[in-house]
Amino acid sequence: MTLDELIGYPFVDFDIGWGTRPLIDRAFGLAGLERRTVFDVTDVETIIDLVSKGLGIALLPATIAEMRTPRIAVSKMAEPVICWELVVAHLRGEGSAPVNGAARALLELLTFFET
């Protein structure tokens, strides 16, 4: 599906400025399209609930949407690719490893994938 094909549908999305909302708003804006958002919410589970009740559609990261099937149907987007990049912020410097063991293990795992 393309953004043009989605214009006729009501959208369920995060509140303005939350989550992936700025990325999606920017994508529609760059395409010169205006969509109709019928529900603005603050959490992904509410988005999933509203979509599963047929009250609108949502653009979500694939990993989030695919974990909720068969509760909701998932269709892949064509162009444009809307990328939500995640980063991990942490204190830099020698001897500044996270105090929490779980956080330390996650940082070590991410560092492993970095190389």
C-alpha atoms as a PDB file:
ATOM      1  CA  MET A   1       0.000   0.000   0.000  1.00  0.00           C
ATOM      2  CA  THR A   2       1.061   3.576  -0.611  1.00  0.00           C
ATOM      3  CA  LEU A   3       0.238   6.719   1.344  1.00  0.00           C
ATOM      4  CA  ASP A   4      -2.132   7.781  -1.461  1.00  0.00           C
ATOM      5  CA  GLU A   5      -4.123   4.571  -1.037  1.00  0.00           C
ATOM      6  CA  LEU A   6      -4.516   5.157   2.702  1.00  0.00           C
ATOM      7  CA  ILE A   7      -5.947   8.688   2.586  1.00  0.00           C
ATOM      8  CA  GLY A   8      -9.579   7.538   2.530  1.00  0.00           C
ATOM      9  CA  TYR A   9      -9.245   5.616   5.799  1.00  0.00           C
ATOM     10  CA  PRO A  10      -9.608   7.008   9.331  1.00  0.00           C
ATOM     11  CA  PHE A  11      -6.370   6.774  11.318  1.00  0.00           C
ATOM     12  CA  VAL A  12      -5.618   5.806  14.892  1.00  0.00           C
ATOM     13  CA  ASP A  13      -2.293   7.260  15.987  1.00  0.00           C
ATOM     14  CA  PHE A  14      -0.197   8.476  18.870  1.00  0.00           C
ATOM     15  CA  ASP A  15      -0.754  11.965  20.241  1.00  0.00           C
ATOM     16  CA  ILE A  16       1.044  14.663  18.288  1.00  0.00           C
ATOM     17  CA  GLY A  17       4.746  14.452  19.121  1.00  0.00           C
ATOM     18  CA  TRP A  18       4.551  10.918  20.609  1.00  0.00           C
ATOM     19  CA  GLY A  19       6.167   7.732  19.333  1.00  0.00           C
ATOM     20  CA  THR A  20       6.180   7.362  15.577  1.00  0.00           C
ATOM     21  CA  ARG A  21       3.637  10.160  15.028  1.00  0.00           C
ATOM     22  CA  PRO A  22       6.168  12.825  13.940  1.00  0.00           C
ATOM     23  CA  LEU A  23       7.654  10.435  11.345  1.00  0.00           C
ATOM     24  CA  ILE A  24       4.257   9.566   9.927  1.00  0.00           C
ATOM     25  CA  ASP A  25       3.070  13.184   9.877  1.00  0.00           C
ATOM     26  CA  ARG A  26       6.279  14.169   8.074  1.00  0.00           C
ATOM     27  CA  ALA A  27       5.854  11.397   5.483  1.00  0.00           C
ATOM     28  CA  PHE A  28       2.317  12.511   4.654  1.00  0.00           C
ATOM     29  CA  GLY A  29       3.374  16.165   4.619  1.00  0.00           C
ATOM     30  CA  LEU A  30       6.270  15.509   2.230  1.00  0.00           C
ATOM     31  CA  ALA A  31       3.838  13.658  -0.055  1.00  0.00           C
ATOM     32  CA  GLY A  32       1.469  16.645   0.024  1.00  0.00           C
ATOM     33  CA  LEU A  33      -1.245  14.535   1.645  1.00  0.00           C
ATOM     34  CA  GLU A  34      -3.497  15.192   4.602  1.00  0.00           C
ATOM     35  CA  ARG A  35      -4.938  12.301   6.568  1.00  0.00           C
ATOM     36  CA  ARG A  36      -7.829  12.163   9.013  1.00  0.00           C
ATOM     37  CA  THR A  37      -6.885  10.989  12.504  1.00  0.00           C
ATOM     38  CA  VAL A  38      -9.950   9.962  14.520  1.00  0.00           C
ATOM     39  CA  PHE A  39      -8.185   8.822  17.710  1.00  0.00           C
ATOM     40  CA  ASP A  40      -4.997  10.217  19.258  1.00  0.00           C
ATOM     41  CA  VAL A  41      -3.688   8.012  22.077  1.00  0.00           C
ATOM     42  CA  THR A  42      -0.567   7.611  24.184  1.00  0.00           C
ATOM     43  CA  ASP A  43       0.139   3.879  24.019  1.00  0.00           C
ATOM     44  CA  VAL A  44       0.462   1.205  21.378  1.00  0.00           C
ATOM     45  CA  GLU A  45      -1.926  -1.267  23.052  1.00  0.00           C
ATOM     46  CA  THR A  46      -4.776   1.250  22.792  1.00  0.00           C
ATOM     47  CA  ILE A  47      -3.928   1.735  19.110  1.00  0.00           C
ATOM     48  CA  ILE A  48      -4.071  -2.046  18.614  1.00  0.00           C
ATOM     49  CA  ASP A  49      -7.403  -2.266  20.499  1.00  0.00           C
ATOM     50  CA  LEU A  50      -9.011   0.489  18.405  1.00  0.00           C
ATOM     51  CA  VAL A  51      -7.735  -1.000  15.138  1.00  0.00           C
ATOM     52  CA  SER A  52      -8.916  -4.497  16.164  1.00  0.00           C
ATOM     53  CA  LYS A  53     -12.414  -3.058  16.699  1.00  0.00           C
ATOM     54  CA  GLY A  54     -12.456  -1.607  13.167  1.00  0.00           C
ATOM     55  CA  LEU A  55     -12.306   2.017  14.305  1.00  0.00           C
ATOM     56  CA  GLY A  56      -9.377   2.971  12.089  1.00  0.00           C
ATOM     57  CA  ILE A  57      -6.056   1.949  10.644  1.00  0.00           C
ATOM     58  CA  ALA A  58      -2.575   2.598  12.003  1.00  0.00           C
ATOM     59  CA  LEU A  59       0.962   2.743  10.692  1.00  0.00           C
ATOM     60  CA  LEU A  60       3.144   0.837  13.126  1.00  0.00           C
ATOM     61  CA  PRO A  61       6.650  -0.609  13.159  1.00  0.00           C
ATOM     62  CA  ALA A  62       6.481  -4.073  11.560  1.00  0.00           C
ATOM     63  CA  THR A  63       7.780  -5.865  14.647  1.00  0.00           C
ATOM     64  CA  ILE A  64       5.044  -4.370  16.823  1.00  0.00           C
ATOM     65  CA  ALA A  65       2.223  -5.048  14.360  1.00  0.00           C
ATOM     66  CA  GLU A  66       3.319  -8.584  13.459  1.00  0.00           C
ATOM     67  CA  MET A  67       3.380  -9.586  17.147  1.00  0.00           C
ATOM     68  CA  ARG A  68      -0.349  -8.717  17.344  1.00  0.00           C
ATOM     69  CA  THR A  69      -1.571 -10.919  14.489  1.00  0.00           C
ATOM     70  CA  PRO A  70      -4.117 -12.492  14.100  1.00  0.00           C
ATOM     71  CA  ARG A  71      -5.781  -9.872  16.324  1.00  0.00           C
ATOM     72  CA  ILE A  72      -5.133  -7.315  13.573  1.00  0.00           C
ATOM     73  CA  ALA A  73      -4.355  -7.696   9.883  1.00  0.00           C
ATOM     74  CA  VAL A  74      -0.973  -6.447   8.686  1.00  0.00           C
ATOM     75  CA  SER A  75      -0.222  -5.073   5.219  1.00  0.00           C
ATOM     76  CA  LYS A  76       3.241  -3.979   4.141  1.00  0.00           C
ATOM     77  CA  MET A  77       3.790  -0.386   3.057  1.00  0.00           C
ATOM     78  CA  ALA A  78       5.313   0.338  -0.312  1.00  0.00           C
ATOM     79  CA  GLU A  79       7.014   3.703  -0.671  1.00  0.00           C
ATOM     80  CA  PRO A  80       8.027   5.737   1.182  1.00  0.00           C
ATOM     81  CA  VAL A  81       9.983   3.751   3.734  1.00  0.00           C
ATOM     82  CA  ILE A  82       9.322   5.316   7.125  1.00  0.00           C
ATOM     83  CA  CYS A  83      12.258   4.464   9.372  1.00  0.00           C
ATOM     84  CA  TRP A  84      12.154   4.762  13.151  1.00  0.00           C
ATOM     85  CA  GLU A  85      15.742   4.681  14.328  1.00  0.00           C
ATOM     86  CA  LEU A  86      16.403   3.760  17.936  1.00  0.00           C
ATOM     87  CA  VAL A  87      19.531   4.659  19.851  1.00  0.00           C
ATOM     88  CA  VAL A  88      20.812   3.816  23.295  1.00  0.00           C
ATOM     89  CA  ALA A  89      22.057   6.761  25.361  1.00  0.00           C
ATOM     90  CA  HIS A  90      24.519   6.025  28.131  1.00  0.00           C
ATOM     91  CA  LEU A  91      27.302   7.683  30.099  1.00  0.00           C
ATOM     92  CA  ARG A  92      30.557   7.674  28.189  1.00  0.00           C
ATOM     93  CA  GLY A  93      34.019   7.330  29.614  1.00  0.00           C
ATOM     94  CA  GLU A  94      36.276   4.903  31.385  1.00  0.00           C
ATOM     95  CA  GLY A  95      34.702   3.350  34.463  1.00  0.00           C
ATOM     96  CA  SER A  96      31.228   4.581  33.510  1.00  0.00           C
ATOM     97  CA  ALA A  97      29.582   1.206  32.868  1.00  0.00           C
ATOM     98  CA  PRO A  98      25.950   0.913  33.998  1.00  0.00           C
ATOM     99  CA  VAL A  99      25.544  -0.096  37.646  1.00  0.00           C
ATOM    100  CA  ASN A 100      22.558  -2.319  36.879  1.00  0.00           C
ATOM    101  CA  GLY A 101      23.600  -5.772  35.647  1.00  0.00           C
ATOM    102  CA  ALA A 102      20.790  -6.028  33.094  1.00  0.00           C
ATOM    103  CA  ALA A 103      21.633  -2.630  31.604  1.00  0.00           C
ATOM    104  CA  ARG A 104      25.316  -3.587  31.471  1.00  0.00           C
ATOM    105  CA  ALA A 105      24.493  -6.859  29.667  1.00  0.00           C
ATOM    106  CA  LEU A 106      22.282  -5.039  27.142  1.00  0.00           C
ATOM    107  CA  LEU A 107      25.002  -2.482  26.430  1.00  0.00           C
ATOM    108  CA  GLU A 108      27.554  -5.278  25.949  1.00  0.00           C
ATOM    109  CA  LEU A 109      25.185  -7.081  23.570  1.00  0.00           C
ATOM    110  CA  LEU A 110      24.584  -3.919  21.540  1.00  0.00           C
ATOM    111  CA  THR A 111      28.306  -3.218  21.405  1.00  0.00           C
ATOM    112  CA  PHE A 112      28.790  -6.750  20.065  1.00  0.00           C
ATOM    113  CA  PHE A 113      26.393  -6.046  17.173  1.00  0.00           C
ATOM    114  CA  GLU A 114      27.994  -2.681  16.466  1.00  0.00           C
ATOM    115  CA  THR A 115      31.164  -4.248  15.108  1.00  0.00           C
END
